[in-house]
Amino acid sequence: MALKLTIKLIIAAVFLIVIIMLGLSSGLFSFSVIKNSDVSDHKLVLERIENIGNLELVRFNFNDVVEESVIRKLFDVDNLAPDSKVLVIVNGEATACVNLKEVAKDDIKTEGDNIIITLPTPVICYAKINHERSKIYDANFTARIFNPELIDKAYRQGEVRIKDEAIKLGILEQAKENARKLLGPFLGGITRKNIKIEFKTPGLPKD
């Protein structure tokens, strides 16, 4: 009795397998597990990235000395009238970031076990002066009386120099490297896939 039951179960199982195989070959049945998994991974990655928003990746600190002056000439001759001179010691910082809210679903692609994410190129979030740590080192009498605006001008020039110097020192490239180190393991842990981080080329239109 047990032998007959076993034979019937085997026959039923074989019959079921044949039906499934015929259905798959004819297109009657289809499995979209891989496709659905990719779509799910893309959605999850996009949600996590959008939730992060504007991601600050690296900060450079600076100390600089900025001089501003007004040179006066009397009868086209130097040194006949006093010049205005200001010397300011500037402490500040520049920060680079990536705006992850700009990432769209088309920026996330799957190639085998890899998920390739194309991020916006890093930019300088801000370059600012720390006024508590900056000071006027010297401002002569003529500057204080006739050209007090030189102090503000020196601070503004300091901000410009901080931004320019940060770019020269590679802050944007460092931001890219930090993005790979930070987002790769984070998103890889969520999706269980290898994450590759790439960046858009500035000035090129989107595909």
C-alpha atoms as a PDB file:
ATOM      1  CA  MET A   1       0.000   0.000   0.000  1.00  0.00           C
ATOM      2  CA  ALA A   2       2.795   2.362   0.919  1.00  0.00           C
ATOM      3  CA  LEU A   3       4.654   1.452  -2.293  1.00  0.00           C
ATOM      4  CA  LYS A   4       1.628   2.289  -4.457  1.00  0.00           C
ATOM      5  CA  LEU A   5       1.197   5.634  -2.673  1.00  0.00           C
ATOM      6  CA  THR A   6       4.865   6.470  -3.237  1.00  0.00           C
ATOM      7  CA  ILE A   7       4.602   5.590  -6.940  1.00  0.00           C
ATOM      8  CA  LYS A   8       1.516   7.805  -7.289  1.00  0.00           C
ATOM      9  CA  LEU A   9       3.300  10.725  -5.623  1.00  0.00           C
ATOM     10  CA  ILE A  10       6.291  10.328  -7.914  1.00  0.00           C
ATOM     11  CA  ILE A  11       4.042  10.208 -10.989  1.00  0.00           C
ATOM     12  CA  ALA A  12       2.168  13.296  -9.798  1.00  0.00           C
ATOM     13  CA  ALA A  13       5.423  15.167  -9.172  1.00  0.00           C
ATOM     14  CA  VAL A  14       6.799  14.270 -12.595  1.00  0.00           C
ATOM     15  CA  PHE A  15       3.524  15.304 -14.218  1.00  0.00           C
ATOM     16  CA  LEU A  16       3.609  18.653 -12.392  1.00  0.00           C
ATOM     17  CA  ILE A  17       7.204  19.287 -13.462  1.00  0.00           C
ATOM     18  CA  VAL A  18       6.321  18.506 -17.092  1.00  0.00           C
ATOM     19  CA  ILE A  19       3.351  20.896 -16.963  1.00  0.00           C
ATOM     20  CA  ILE A  20       5.541  23.668 -15.536  1.00  0.00           C
ATOM     21  CA  MET A  21       8.271  23.119 -18.130  1.00  0.00           C
ATOM     22  CA  LEU A  22       5.746  23.174 -20.965  1.00  0.00           C
ATOM     23  CA  GLY A  23       4.200  26.352 -19.559  1.00  0.00           C
ATOM     24  CA  LEU A  24       7.592  28.075 -19.337  1.00  0.00           C
ATOM     25  CA  SER A  25       8.581  27.067 -22.862  1.00  0.00           C
ATOM     26  CA  SER A  26       5.270  28.249 -24.304  1.00  0.00           C
ATOM     27  CA  GLY A  27       5.327  31.523 -22.387  1.00  0.00           C
ATOM     28  CA  LEU A  28       2.229  30.611 -20.439  1.00  0.00           C
ATOM     29  CA  PHE A  29       4.125  30.948 -17.185  1.00  0.00           C
ATOM     30  CA  SER A  30       6.953  33.412 -16.521  1.00  0.00           C
ATOM     31  CA  PHE A  31       9.139  34.247 -13.582  1.00  0.00           C
ATOM     32  CA  SER A  32      10.285  37.824 -13.076  1.00  0.00           C
ATOM     33  CA  VAL A  33      12.084  37.323  -9.781  1.00  0.00           C
ATOM     34  CA  ILE A  34      15.355  38.808 -11.067  1.00  0.00           C
ATOM     35  CA  LYS A  35      13.635  41.757 -12.711  1.00  0.00           C
ATOM     36  CA  ASN A  36      11.511  42.448  -9.651  1.00  0.00           C
ATOM     37  CA  SER A  37      14.596  42.177  -7.483  1.00  0.00           C
ATOM     38  CA  ASP A  38      16.419  44.762  -9.627  1.00  0.00           C
ATOM     39  CA  VAL A  39      13.444  47.130  -9.500  1.00  0.00           C
ATOM     40  CA  SER A  40      13.234  46.672  -5.739  1.00  0.00           C
ATOM     41  CA  ASP A  41      16.964  47.360  -5.322  1.00  0.00           C
ATOM     42  CA  HIS A  42      16.738  50.491  -7.481  1.00  0.00           C
ATOM     43  CA  LYS A  43      13.791  51.809  -5.502  1.00  0.00           C
ATOM     44  CA  LEU A  44      15.489  51.081  -2.182  1.00  0.00           C
ATOM     45  CA  VAL A  45      18.740  52.735  -3.246  1.00  0.00           C
ATOM     46  CA  LEU A  46      16.914  55.799  -4.569  1.00  0.00           C
ATOM     47  CA  GLU A  47      14.888  56.157  -1.369  1.00  0.00           C
ATOM     48  CA  ARG A  48      17.973  55.903   0.835  1.00  0.00           C
ATOM     49  CA  ILE A  49      19.900  58.393  -1.292  1.00  0.00           C
ATOM     50  CA  GLU A  50      17.061  60.920  -1.425  1.00  0.00           C
ATOM     51  CA  ASN A  51      16.661  60.721   2.350  1.00  0.00           C
ATOM     52  CA  ILE A  52      20.300  61.733   2.817  1.00  0.00           C
ATOM     53  CA  GLY A  53      19.809  64.910   0.754  1.00  0.00           C
ATOM     54  CA  ASN A  54      22.755  67.284   0.537  1.00  0.00           C
ATOM     55  CA  LEU A  55      25.726  65.207   1.680  1.00  0.00           C
ATOM     56  CA  GLU A  56      28.766  67.082   3.021  1.00  0.00           C
ATOM     57  CA  LEU A  57      31.818  64.977   2.264  1.00  0.00           C
ATOM     58  CA  VAL A  58      34.959  66.928   3.104  1.00  0.00           C
ATOM     59  CA  ARG A  59      35.985  70.149   4.834  1.00  0.00           C
ATOM     60  CA  PHE A  60      39.236  72.072   4.425  1.00  0.00           C
ATOM     61  CA  ASN A  61      40.330  74.639   7.032  1.00  0.00           C
ATOM     62  CA  PHE A  62      42.441  77.651   6.137  1.00  0.00           C
ATOM     63  CA  ASN A  63      44.449  80.451   7.680  1.00  0.00           C
ATOM     64  CA  ASP A  64      45.403  83.268   5.365  1.00  0.00           C
ATOM     65  CA  VAL A  65      46.659  86.831   5.424  1.00  0.00           C
ATOM     66  CA  VAL A  66      44.803  89.276   3.205  1.00  0.00           C
ATOM     67  CA  GLU A  67      45.888  92.808   2.435  1.00  0.00           C
ATOM     68  CA  GLU A  68      43.738  95.526   0.913  1.00  0.00           C
ATOM     69  CA  SER A  69      44.894  99.032   0.169  1.00  0.00           C
ATOM     70  CA  VAL A  70      44.097 102.284  -1.556  1.00  0.00           C
ATOM     71  CA  ILE A  71      47.111 103.942  -3.161  1.00  0.00           C
ATOM     72  CA  ARG A  72      46.880 107.705  -3.320  1.00  0.00           C
ATOM     73  CA  LYS A  73      48.789 109.958  -5.652  1.00  0.00           C
ATOM     74  CA  LEU A  74      49.099 113.710  -5.418  1.00  0.00           C
ATOM     75  CA  PHE A  75      49.963 115.434  -8.675  1.00  0.00           C
ATOM     76  CA  ASP A  76      50.648 111.922 -10.082  1.00  0.00           C
ATOM     77  CA  VAL A  77      53.416 111.461  -7.530  1.00  0.00           C
ATOM     78  CA  ASP A  78      53.471 108.588  -5.015  1.00  0.00           C
ATOM     79  CA  ASN A  79      54.068 109.075  -1.309  1.00  0.00           C
ATOM     80  CA  LEU A  80      52.841 112.661  -1.235  1.00  0.00           C
ATOM     81  CA  ALA A  81      49.516 111.523   0.216  1.00  0.00           C
ATOM     82  CA  PRO A  82      49.071 108.753   2.801  1.00  0.00           C
ATOM     83  CA  ASP A  83      47.821 105.387   1.502  1.00  0.00           C
ATOM     84  CA  SER A  84      45.115 103.355   3.200  1.00  0.00           C
ATOM     85  CA  LYS A  85      46.196  99.833   4.147  1.00  0.00           C
ATOM     86  CA  VAL A  86      44.478  97.000   5.958  1.00  0.00           C
ATOM     87  CA  LEU A  87      45.965  93.641   6.904  1.00  0.00           C
ATOM     88  CA  VAL A  88      43.552  90.932   8.021  1.00  0.00           C
ATOM     89  CA  ILE A  89      44.333  87.435   9.347  1.00  0.00           C
ATOM     90  CA  VAL A  90      41.570  85.213   8.041  1.00  0.00           C
ATOM     91  CA  ASN A  91      40.474  81.852   9.426  1.00  0.00           C
ATOM     92  CA  GLY A  92      37.878  79.981   7.422  1.00  0.00           C
ATOM     93  CA  GLU A  93      36.722  76.764   5.866  1.00  0.00           C
ATOM     94  CA  ALA A  94      35.478  75.339   2.585  1.00  0.00           C
ATOM     95  CA  THR A  95      33.158  72.346   2.347  1.00  0.00           C
ATOM     96  CA  ALA A  96      32.396  70.149  -0.670  1.00  0.00           C
ATOM     97  CA  CYS A  97      29.155  68.235  -1.011  1.00  0.00           C
ATOM     98  CA  VAL A  98      26.952  66.230  -3.370  1.00  0.00           C
ATOM     99  CA  ASN A  99      23.240  66.938  -3.652  1.00  0.00           C
ATOM    100  CA  LEU A 100      21.788  63.420  -3.618  1.00  0.00           C
ATOM    101  CA  LYS A 101      18.271  64.753  -4.188  1.00  0.00           C
ATOM    102  CA  GLU A 102      19.293  65.295  -7.821  1.00  0.00           C
ATOM    103  CA  VAL A 103      19.780  61.547  -8.344  1.00  0.00           C
ATOM    104  CA  ALA A 104      17.044  60.101 -10.597  1.00  0.00           C
ATOM    105  CA  LYS A 105      16.007  56.506 -11.231  1.00  0.00           C
ATOM    106  CA  ASP A 106      17.817  56.596 -14.598  1.00  0.00           C
ATOM    107  CA  ASP A 107      21.063  57.232 -12.707  1.00  0.00           C
ATOM    108  CA  ILE A 108      20.855  53.770 -11.118  1.00  0.00           C
ATOM    109  CA  LYS A 109      21.663  50.774 -13.315  1.00  0.00           C
ATOM    110  CA  THR A 110      22.260  47.061 -12.737  1.00  0.00           C
ATOM    111  CA  GLU A 111      24.955  45.012 -14.432  1.00  0.00           C
ATOM    112  CA  GLY A 112      25.018  41.469 -13.086  1.00  0.00           C
ATOM    113  CA  ASP A 113      25.824  41.643  -9.373  1.00  0.00           C
ATOM    114  CA  ASN A 114      26.806  45.314  -9.661  1.00  0.00           C
ATOM    115  CA  ILE A 115      24.658  48.376  -9.087  1.00  0.00           C
ATOM    116  CA  ILE A 116      26.122  51.441 -10.790  1.00  0.00           C
ATOM    117  CA  ILE A 117      25.053  54.789  -9.362  1.00  0.00           C
ATOM    118  CA  THR A 118      25.925  57.998 -11.209  1.00  0.00           C
ATOM    119  CA  LEU A 119      25.986  60.945  -8.807  1.00  0.00           C
ATOM    120  CA  PRO A 120      26.035  64.675  -9.519  1.00  0.00           C
ATOM    121  CA  THR A 121      29.531  66.107  -9.562  1.00  0.00           C
ATOM    122  CA  PRO A 122      30.633  67.513  -6.173  1.00  0.00           C
ATOM    123  CA  VAL A 123      30.491  71.267  -5.657  1.00  0.00           C
ATOM    124  CA  ILE A 124      31.651  73.730  -3.031  1.00  0.00           C
ATOM    125  CA  CYS A 125      28.741  73.964  -0.591  1.00  0.00           C
ATOM    126  CA  TYR A 126      30.179  77.028   1.037  1.00  0.00           C
ATOM    127  CA  ALA A 127      33.383  78.873   1.723  1.00  0.00           C
ATOM    128  CA  LYS A 128      33.092  81.066   4.767  1.00  0.00           C
ATOM    129  CA  ILE A 129      35.075  83.110   7.234  1.00  0.00           C
ATOM    130  CA  ASN A 130      35.164  82.237  10.905  1.00  0.00           C
ATOM    131  CA  HIS A 131      34.993  85.761  12.283  1.00  0.00           C
ATOM    132  CA  GLU A 132      35.616  84.633  15.857  1.00  0.00           C
ATOM    133  CA  ARG A 133      39.028  83.305  14.818  1.00  0.00           C
ATOM    134  CA  SER A 134      39.835  86.053  12.333  1.00  0.00           C
ATOM    135  CA  LYS A 135      41.151  89.459  13.230  1.00  0.00           C
ATOM    136  CA  ILE A 136      42.355  92.769  11.906  1.00  0.00           C
ATOM    137  CA  TYR A 137      46.099  92.581  12.225  1.00  0.00           C
ATOM    138  CA  ASP A 138      46.739  96.124  11.093  1.00  0.00           C
ATOM    139  CA  ALA A 139      44.759  99.069   9.738  1.00  0.00           C
ATOM    140  CA  ASN A 140      46.455 102.425   9.490  1.00  0.00           C
ATOM    141  CA  PHE A 141      44.864 105.686  10.516  1.00  0.00           C
ATOM    142  CA  THR A 142      44.025 106.713   6.944  1.00  0.00           C
ATOM    143  CA  ALA A 143      42.198 103.437   6.295  1.00  0.00           C
ATOM    144  CA  ARG A 144      40.136 103.711   9.473  1.00  0.00           C
ATOM    145  CA  ILE A 145      39.100 107.280   8.722  1.00  0.00           C
ATOM    146  CA  PHE A 146      38.763 107.416   4.947  1.00  0.00           C
ATOM    147  CA  ASN A 147      38.406 103.776   3.850  1.00  0.00           C
ATOM    148  CA  PRO A 148      36.758 101.675   6.583  1.00  0.00           C
ATOM    149  CA  GLU A 149      35.182  99.531   3.814  1.00  0.00           C
ATOM    150  CA  LEU A 150      38.612  97.999   3.201  1.00  0.00           C
ATOM    151  CA  ILE A 151      38.104  95.704   6.189  1.00  0.00           C
ATOM    152  CA  ASP A 152      34.907  94.170   4.765  1.00  0.00           C
ATOM    153  CA  LYS A 153      36.559  94.000   1.364  1.00  0.00           C
ATOM    154  CA  ALA A 154      39.464  92.056   2.843  1.00  0.00           C
ATOM    155  CA  TYR A 155      37.101  89.534   4.432  1.00  0.00           C
ATOM    156  CA  ARG A 156      35.191  89.083   1.172  1.00  0.00           C
ATOM    157  CA  GLN A 157      38.450  88.595  -0.678  1.00  0.00           C
ATOM    158  CA  GLY A 158      39.406  86.049   1.951  1.00  0.00           C
ATOM    159  CA  GLU A 159      36.285  83.980   1.201  1.00  0.00           C
ATOM    160  CA  VAL A 160      37.081  83.995  -2.506  1.00  0.00           C
ATOM    161  CA  ARG A 161      40.649  82.925  -1.849  1.00  0.00           C
ATOM    162  CA  ILE A 162      39.533  80.111   0.453  1.00  0.00           C
ATOM    163  CA  LYS A 163      37.233  78.696  -2.238  1.00  0.00           C
ATOM    164  CA  ASP A 164      39.844  78.989  -4.983  1.00  0.00           C
ATOM    165  CA  GLU A 165      42.568  77.474  -2.839  1.00  0.00           C
ATOM    166  CA  ALA A 166      40.340  74.564  -1.785  1.00  0.00           C
ATOM    167  CA  ILE A 167      39.693  73.700  -5.426  1.00  0.00           C
ATOM    168  CA  LYS A 168      43.411  73.928  -6.227  1.00  0.00           C
ATOM    169  CA  LEU A 169      44.169  71.573  -3.343  1.00  0.00           C
ATOM    170  CA  GLY A 170      41.749  68.970  -4.722  1.00  0.00           C
ATOM    171  CA  ILE A 171      38.749  69.255  -2.433  1.00  0.00           C
ATOM    172  CA  LEU A 172      36.349  68.134  -5.188  1.00  0.00           C
ATOM    173  CA  GLU A 173      38.388  65.021  -5.984  1.00  0.00           C
ATOM    174  CA  GLN A 174      38.595  64.239  -2.289  1.00  0.00           C
ATOM    175  CA  ALA A 175      34.805  64.549  -2.101  1.00  0.00           C
ATOM    176  CA  LYS A 176      34.438  61.940  -4.853  1.00  0.00           C
ATOM    177  CA  GLU A 177      36.738  59.537  -3.024  1.00  0.00           C
ATOM    178  CA  ASN A 178      34.882  60.031   0.248  1.00  0.00           C
ATOM    179  CA  ALA A 179      31.533  59.468  -1.484  1.00  0.00           C
ATOM    180  CA  ARG A 180      32.743  56.105  -2.788  1.00  0.00           C
ATOM    181  CA  LYS A 181      34.057  55.082   0.631  1.00  0.00           C
ATOM    182  CA  LEU A 182      30.888  56.168   2.417  1.00  0.00           C
ATOM    183  CA  LEU A 183      28.059  55.227   0.060  1.00  0.00           C
ATOM    184  CA  GLY A 184      29.566  52.034  -1.355  1.00  0.00           C
ATOM    185  CA  PRO A 185      29.551  49.998   1.884  1.00  0.00           C
ATOM    186  CA  PHE A 186      26.322  51.646   3.122  1.00  0.00           C
ATOM    187  CA  LEU A 187      24.247  50.812   0.037  1.00  0.00           C
ATOM    188  CA  GLY A 188      26.036  47.504  -0.477  1.00  0.00           C
ATOM    189  CA  GLY A 189      24.943  46.408   2.978  1.00  0.00           C
ATOM    190  CA  ILE A 190      21.340  47.200   2.115  1.00  0.00           C
ATOM    191  CA  THR A 191      21.203  45.560  -1.321  1.00  0.00           C
ATOM    192  CA  ARG A 192      23.798  42.786  -0.805  1.00  0.00           C
ATOM    193  CA  LYS A 193      25.333  43.809  -4.136  1.00  0.00           C
ATOM    194  CA  ASN A 194      28.566  45.443  -5.229  1.00  0.00           C
ATOM    195  CA  ILE A 195      28.052  49.205  -5.471  1.00  0.00           C
ATOM    196  CA  LYS A 196      29.991  51.253  -8.019  1.00  0.00           C
ATOM    197  CA  ILE A 197      29.878  55.021  -7.652  1.00  0.00           C
ATOM    198  CA  GLU A 198      30.422  57.185 -10.718  1.00  0.00           C
ATOM    199  CA  PHE A 199      29.995  60.911 -11.300  1.00  0.00           C
ATOM    200  CA  LYS A 200      28.434  62.996 -14.027  1.00  0.00           C
ATOM    201  CA  THR A 201      30.686  65.150 -16.156  1.00  0.00           C
ATOM    202  CA  PRO A 202      30.025  68.856 -15.508  1.00  0.00           C
ATOM    203  CA  GLY A 203      28.514  70.713 -18.430  1.00  0.00           C
ATOM    204  CA  LEU A 204      27.237  67.661 -20.276  1.00  0.00           C
ATOM    205  CA  PRO A 205      23.470  67.298 -20.839  1.00  0.00           C
ATOM    206  CA  LYS A 206      21.642  64.433 -19.169  1.00  0.00           C
ATOM    207  CA  ASP A 207      20.989  61.325 -21.256  1.00  0.00           C
END
